[in-house]
Amino acid sequence: MKTLVFQRDEKKNKVIVTCSDGDVSVYSHCAYCKQCKGVRVGNRVVSTPQMQALNDVRKGVAGDDNLMNAAMLFNTLIRDGTAIECADDDNRGYIGLY
């Protein structure tokens, strides 16, 4: 498991990490990647809410709006966090979640 530290650009409201694919936006890239396992907030790692929401939708336990709520919660975690925990130990790069 890799820890990808955030590089924040407050003027452009961007958060970037250095991935195998190069420098990518956390909001538009990591949020939809199967390799993303969590967000480091303080001393703990919070698992990505998108994975749980996607599993619930696939099981038929939750509606599609849960995915939107999970994405909003992910954005909140990014705002408060310092790094992404990434399972890309083989340097394969982005793998789509959906």
N, C-alpha and C. Protein backbone atom coordinates (compact mmCIF):
# COMPACT_ATOMS: atom_id res chain seq x y z
N MET A 1 0.85 -1.17 0.00
CA MET A 1 0.00 0.00 0.00
C MET A 1 0.90 1.23 0.00
N LYS A 2 0.57 2.16 -0.90
CA LYS A 2 1.33 3.41 -1.02
C LYS A 2 0.55 4.55 -0.37
N THR A 3 1.27 5.50 0.14
CA THR A 3 0.67 6.72 0.66
C THR A 3 1.04 7.85 -0.29
N LEU A 4 0.04 8.43 -0.92
CA LEU A 4 0.24 9.53 -1.86
C LEU A 4 -0.15 10.84 -1.17
N VAL A 5 0.84 11.65 -0.86
CA VAL A 5 0.63 12.89 -0.12
C VAL A 5 0.01 13.95 -1.02
N PHE A 6 -0.95 14.70 -0.47
CA PHE A 6 -1.63 15.76 -1.21
C PHE A 6 -0.70 16.93 -1.48
N GLN A 7 -0.83 17.48 -2.68
CA GLN A 7 -0.20 18.74 -3.06
C GLN A 7 -1.35 19.70 -3.33
N ARG A 8 -1.54 20.65 -2.45
CA ARG A 8 -2.70 21.54 -2.54
C ARG A 8 -2.35 22.83 -3.27
N ASP A 9 -3.27 23.27 -4.12
CA ASP A 9 -3.17 24.57 -4.79
C ASP A 9 -4.43 25.33 -4.39
N GLU A 10 -4.31 26.15 -3.36
CA GLU A 10 -5.45 26.85 -2.79
C GLU A 10 -6.08 27.85 -3.76
N LYS A 11 -5.26 28.48 -4.61
CA LYS A 11 -5.79 29.47 -5.55
C LYS A 11 -6.72 28.83 -6.57
N LYS A 12 -6.36 27.65 -7.06
CA LYS A 12 -7.17 26.96 -8.07
C LYS A 12 -8.11 25.94 -7.45
N ASN A 13 -8.08 25.80 -6.12
CA ASN A 13 -8.92 24.85 -5.40
C ASN A 13 -8.70 23.42 -5.93
N LYS A 14 -7.44 23.03 -6.07
CA LYS A 14 -7.07 21.71 -6.57
C LYS A 14 -6.29 20.95 -5.52
N VAL A 15 -6.46 19.64 -5.53
CA VAL A 15 -5.64 18.74 -4.72
C VAL A 15 -5.10 17.70 -5.67
N ILE A 16 -3.77 17.58 -5.74
CA ILE A 16 -3.10 16.70 -6.70
C ILE A 16 -2.23 15.71 -5.95
N VAL A 17 -2.12 14.49 -6.50
CA VAL A 17 -1.17 13.49 -6.00
C VAL A 17 -0.34 12.99 -7.17
N THR A 18 0.83 12.46 -6.86
CA THR A 18 1.69 11.89 -7.89
C THR A 18 1.40 10.40 -7.96
N CYS A 19 0.72 10.01 -9.03
CA CYS A 19 0.28 8.64 -9.28
C CYS A 19 1.21 8.01 -10.32
N SER A 20 1.02 6.74 -10.58
CA SER A 20 1.78 6.08 -11.65
C SER A 20 1.50 6.73 -13.00
N ASP A 21 0.31 7.32 -13.14
CA ASP A 21 -0.08 8.01 -14.37
C ASP A 21 0.44 9.44 -14.44
N GLY A 22 1.16 9.89 -13.43
CA GLY A 22 1.65 11.27 -13.36
C GLY A 22 0.90 12.02 -12.28
N ASP A 23 0.94 13.34 -12.34
CA ASP A 23 0.22 14.17 -11.38
C ASP A 23 -1.25 14.21 -11.78
N VAL A 24 -2.12 13.77 -10.85
CA VAL A 24 -3.56 13.69 -11.15
C VAL A 24 -4.36 14.36 -10.05
N SER A 25 -5.55 14.82 -10.41
CA SER A 25 -6.47 15.42 -9.46
C SER A 25 -7.11 14.34 -8.60
N VAL A 26 -7.13 14.56 -7.32
CA VAL A 26 -7.75 13.61 -6.40
C VAL A 26 -9.26 13.59 -6.60
N TYR A 27 -9.85 14.77 -6.82
CA TYR A 27 -11.30 14.87 -6.96
C TYR A 27 -11.84 14.15 -8.19
N SER A 28 -11.13 14.19 -9.30
CA SER A 28 -11.66 13.60 -10.53
C SER A 28 -11.00 12.29 -10.91
N HIS A 29 -9.90 11.93 -10.29
CA HIS A 29 -9.16 10.73 -10.69
C HIS A 29 -9.22 9.66 -9.59
N CYS A 30 -8.70 9.97 -8.43
CA CYS A 30 -8.65 9.01 -7.32
C CYS A 30 -10.06 8.64 -6.83
N ALA A 31 -10.98 9.57 -6.91
CA ALA A 31 -12.34 9.31 -6.43
C ALA A 31 -13.02 8.18 -7.19
N TYR A 32 -12.58 7.91 -8.41
CA TYR A 32 -13.22 6.89 -9.24
C TYR A 32 -12.26 5.77 -9.62
N CYS A 33 -11.27 5.51 -8.78
CA CYS A 33 -10.25 4.49 -9.05
C CYS A 33 -10.39 3.32 -8.06
N LYS A 34 -10.31 2.10 -8.56
CA LYS A 34 -10.39 0.91 -7.70
C LYS A 34 -9.20 0.81 -6.76
N GLN A 35 -8.09 1.45 -7.11
CA GLN A 35 -6.88 1.36 -6.31
C GLN A 35 -6.97 2.19 -5.02
N CYS A 36 -7.84 3.18 -4.99
CA CYS A 36 -7.97 4.07 -3.83
C CYS A 36 -8.64 3.32 -2.69
N LYS A 37 -7.93 3.16 -1.59
CA LYS A 37 -8.44 2.40 -0.46
C LYS A 37 -8.83 3.25 0.73
N GLY A 38 -8.42 4.50 0.75
CA GLY A 38 -8.79 5.35 1.87
C GLY A 38 -8.11 6.70 1.83
N VAL A 39 -8.55 7.56 2.74
CA VAL A 39 -8.00 8.90 2.88
C VAL A 39 -7.42 9.01 4.28
N ARG A 40 -6.18 9.47 4.35
CA ARG A 40 -5.53 9.66 5.64
C ARG A 40 -5.99 11.00 6.21
N VAL A 41 -6.69 10.93 7.34
CA VAL A 41 -7.16 12.12 8.06
C VAL A 41 -6.55 12.04 9.45
N GLY A 42 -5.61 12.91 9.71
CA GLY A 42 -4.89 12.85 10.99
C GLY A 42 -4.06 11.57 11.06
N ASN A 43 -4.24 10.81 12.13
CA ASN A 43 -3.48 9.57 12.32
C ASN A 43 -4.21 8.33 11.83
N ARG A 44 -5.41 8.48 11.30
CA ARG A 44 -6.17 7.30 10.88
C ARG A 44 -6.49 7.35 9.39
N VAL A 45 -6.83 6.19 8.86
CA VAL A 45 -7.21 6.07 7.46
C VAL A 45 -8.70 5.75 7.40
N VAL A 46 -9.45 6.58 6.68
CA VAL A 46 -10.88 6.40 6.51
C VAL A 46 -11.09 5.77 5.15
N SER A 47 -11.75 4.61 5.10
CA SER A 47 -11.97 3.94 3.83
C SER A 47 -12.88 4.78 2.93
N THR A 48 -12.73 4.59 1.63
CA THR A 48 -13.49 5.40 0.68
C THR A 48 -14.97 5.05 0.72
N PRO A 49 -15.83 6.04 0.85
CA PRO A 49 -17.27 5.77 0.93
C PRO A 49 -17.85 5.28 -0.40
N GLN A 50 -17.18 5.55 -1.52
CA GLN A 50 -17.70 5.13 -2.82
C GLN A 50 -17.77 3.61 -2.93
N MET A 51 -16.79 2.90 -2.39
CA MET A 51 -16.76 1.44 -2.48
C MET A 51 -17.96 0.82 -1.77
N GLN A 52 -18.25 1.29 -0.55
CA GLN A 52 -19.39 0.77 0.19
C GLN A 52 -20.70 1.10 -0.52
N ALA A 53 -20.82 2.32 -1.01
CA ALA A 53 -22.04 2.73 -1.70
C ALA A 53 -22.23 1.91 -2.98
N LEU A 54 -21.16 1.68 -3.72
CA LEU A 54 -21.25 0.90 -4.95
C LEU A 54 -21.66 -0.54 -4.65
N ASN A 55 -21.11 -1.13 -3.61
CA ASN A 55 -21.49 -2.48 -3.21
C ASN A 55 -22.96 -2.55 -2.81
N ASP A 56 -23.45 -1.54 -2.09
CA ASP A 56 -24.85 -1.49 -1.69
C ASP A 56 -25.78 -1.37 -2.89
N VAL A 57 -25.39 -0.56 -3.88
CA VAL A 57 -26.21 -0.39 -5.09
C VAL A 57 -26.24 -1.70 -5.87
N ARG A 58 -25.11 -2.36 -5.99
CA ARG A 58 -25.05 -3.63 -6.73
C ARG A 58 -25.90 -4.71 -6.07
N LYS A 59 -25.97 -4.69 -4.75
CA LYS A 59 -26.78 -5.67 -4.01
C LYS A 59 -28.26 -5.31 -4.04
N GLY A 60 -28.57 -4.10 -4.46
CA GLY A 60 -29.96 -3.66 -4.50
C GLY A 60 -30.45 -3.14 -3.15
N VAL A 61 -29.53 -2.88 -2.24
CA VAL A 61 -29.88 -2.42 -0.90
C VAL A 61 -30.04 -0.90 -0.85
N ALA A 62 -29.46 -0.19 -1.81
CA ALA A 62 -29.48 1.27 -1.78
C ALA A 62 -29.75 1.81 -3.19
N GLY A 63 -30.18 3.06 -3.23
CA GLY A 63 -30.46 3.72 -4.50
C GLY A 63 -29.23 4.41 -5.06
N ASP A 64 -29.38 4.89 -6.29
CA ASP A 64 -28.28 5.57 -6.97
C ASP A 64 -27.84 6.85 -6.26
N ASP A 65 -28.76 7.47 -5.54
CA ASP A 65 -28.40 8.71 -4.86
C ASP A 65 -27.36 8.48 -3.77
N ASN A 66 -27.21 7.24 -3.32
CA ASN A 66 -26.16 6.93 -2.34
C ASN A 66 -24.77 7.15 -2.93
N LEU A 67 -24.61 6.91 -4.23
CA LEU A 67 -23.33 7.16 -4.88
C LEU A 67 -22.98 8.65 -4.86
N MET A 68 -23.98 9.50 -5.07
CA MET A 68 -23.76 10.94 -5.03
C MET A 68 -23.39 11.38 -3.62
N ASN A 69 -24.08 10.85 -2.63
CA ASN A 69 -23.77 11.18 -1.23
C ASN A 69 -22.37 10.71 -0.87
N ALA A 70 -21.97 9.54 -1.36
CA ALA A 70 -20.63 9.02 -1.09
C ALA A 70 -19.57 9.91 -1.73
N ALA A 71 -19.83 10.40 -2.92
CA ALA A 71 -18.88 11.30 -3.59
C ALA A 71 -18.73 12.60 -2.80
N MET A 72 -19.83 13.11 -2.27
CA MET A 72 -19.76 14.33 -1.47
C MET A 72 -19.00 14.09 -0.17
N LEU A 73 -19.20 12.94 0.45
CA LEU A 73 -18.45 12.61 1.66
C LEU A 73 -16.96 12.46 1.35
N PHE A 74 -16.63 11.87 0.20
CA PHE A 74 -15.24 11.74 -0.21
C PHE A 74 -14.60 13.12 -0.34
N ASN A 75 -15.30 14.06 -0.94
CA ASN A 75 -14.78 15.43 -1.08
C ASN A 75 -14.52 16.08 0.28
N THR A 76 -15.38 15.80 1.25
CA THR A 76 -15.18 16.30 2.60
C THR A 76 -13.94 15.69 3.23
N LEU A 77 -13.74 14.38 3.02
CA LEU A 77 -12.54 13.72 3.54
C LEU A 77 -11.28 14.30 2.92
N ILE A 78 -11.33 14.62 1.63
CA ILE A 78 -10.17 15.21 0.95
C ILE A 78 -9.86 16.58 1.54
N ARG A 79 -10.90 17.35 1.81
CA ARG A 79 -10.70 18.68 2.40
C ARG A 79 -9.98 18.59 3.74
N ASP A 80 -10.33 17.58 4.54
CA ASP A 80 -9.76 17.44 5.88
C ASP A 80 -8.51 16.57 5.92
N GLY A 81 -8.25 15.82 4.85
CA GLY A 81 -7.17 14.84 4.86
C GLY A 81 -5.83 15.38 4.41
N THR A 82 -4.83 14.46 4.44
CA THR A 82 -3.48 14.82 4.05
C THR A 82 -2.90 13.92 2.97
N ALA A 83 -3.52 12.74 2.76
CA ALA A 83 -2.96 11.79 1.79
C ALA A 83 -4.00 10.75 1.40
N ILE A 84 -3.72 10.08 0.27
CA ILE A 84 -4.53 8.96 -0.22
C ILE A 84 -3.75 7.68 0.04
N GLU A 85 -4.45 6.65 0.49
CA GLU A 85 -3.85 5.32 0.60
C GLU A 85 -4.21 4.57 -0.68
N CYS A 86 -3.19 4.17 -1.42
CA CYS A 86 -3.36 3.59 -2.76
C CYS A 86 -2.81 2.16 -2.78
N ALA A 87 -3.56 1.24 -3.35
CA ALA A 87 -3.16 -0.17 -3.41
C ALA A 87 -2.40 -0.50 -4.69
N ASP A 88 -1.93 0.49 -5.41
CA ASP A 88 -1.25 0.28 -6.68
C ASP A 88 0.24 -0.02 -6.47
N ASP A 89 0.54 -1.16 -5.89
CA ASP A 89 1.93 -1.54 -5.64
C ASP A 89 2.64 -1.96 -6.92
N ASP A 90 1.87 -2.33 -7.96
CA ASP A 90 2.46 -2.78 -9.23
C ASP A 90 2.63 -1.65 -10.24
N ASN A 91 2.29 -0.41 -9.85
CA ASN A 91 2.38 0.77 -10.72
C ASN A 91 1.59 0.61 -12.02
N ARG A 92 0.36 0.10 -11.91
CA ARG A 92 -0.50 -0.04 -13.08
C ARG A 92 -1.28 1.22 -13.38
N GLY A 93 -1.41 2.09 -12.40
CA GLY A 93 -2.13 3.34 -12.60
C GLY A 93 -3.62 3.19 -12.40
N TYR A 94 -4.35 4.09 -13.01
CA TYR A 94 -5.81 4.21 -12.83
C TYR A 94 -6.54 2.97 -13.33
N ILE A 95 -7.47 2.47 -12.51
CA ILE A 95 -8.40 1.40 -12.90
C ILE A 95 -9.78 1.90 -12.53
N GLY A 96 -10.65 2.03 -13.51
CA GLY A 96 -11.99 2.61 -13.28
C GLY A 96 -12.83 1.83 -12.29
N LEU A 97 -13.50 2.54 -11.42
CA LEU A 97 -14.35 1.95 -10.40
C LEU A 97 -15.66 1.46 -10.98
N TYR A 98 -16.18 2.19 -11.94
CA TYR A 98 -17.51 1.84 -12.47
C TYR A 98 -17.36 1.10 -13.75
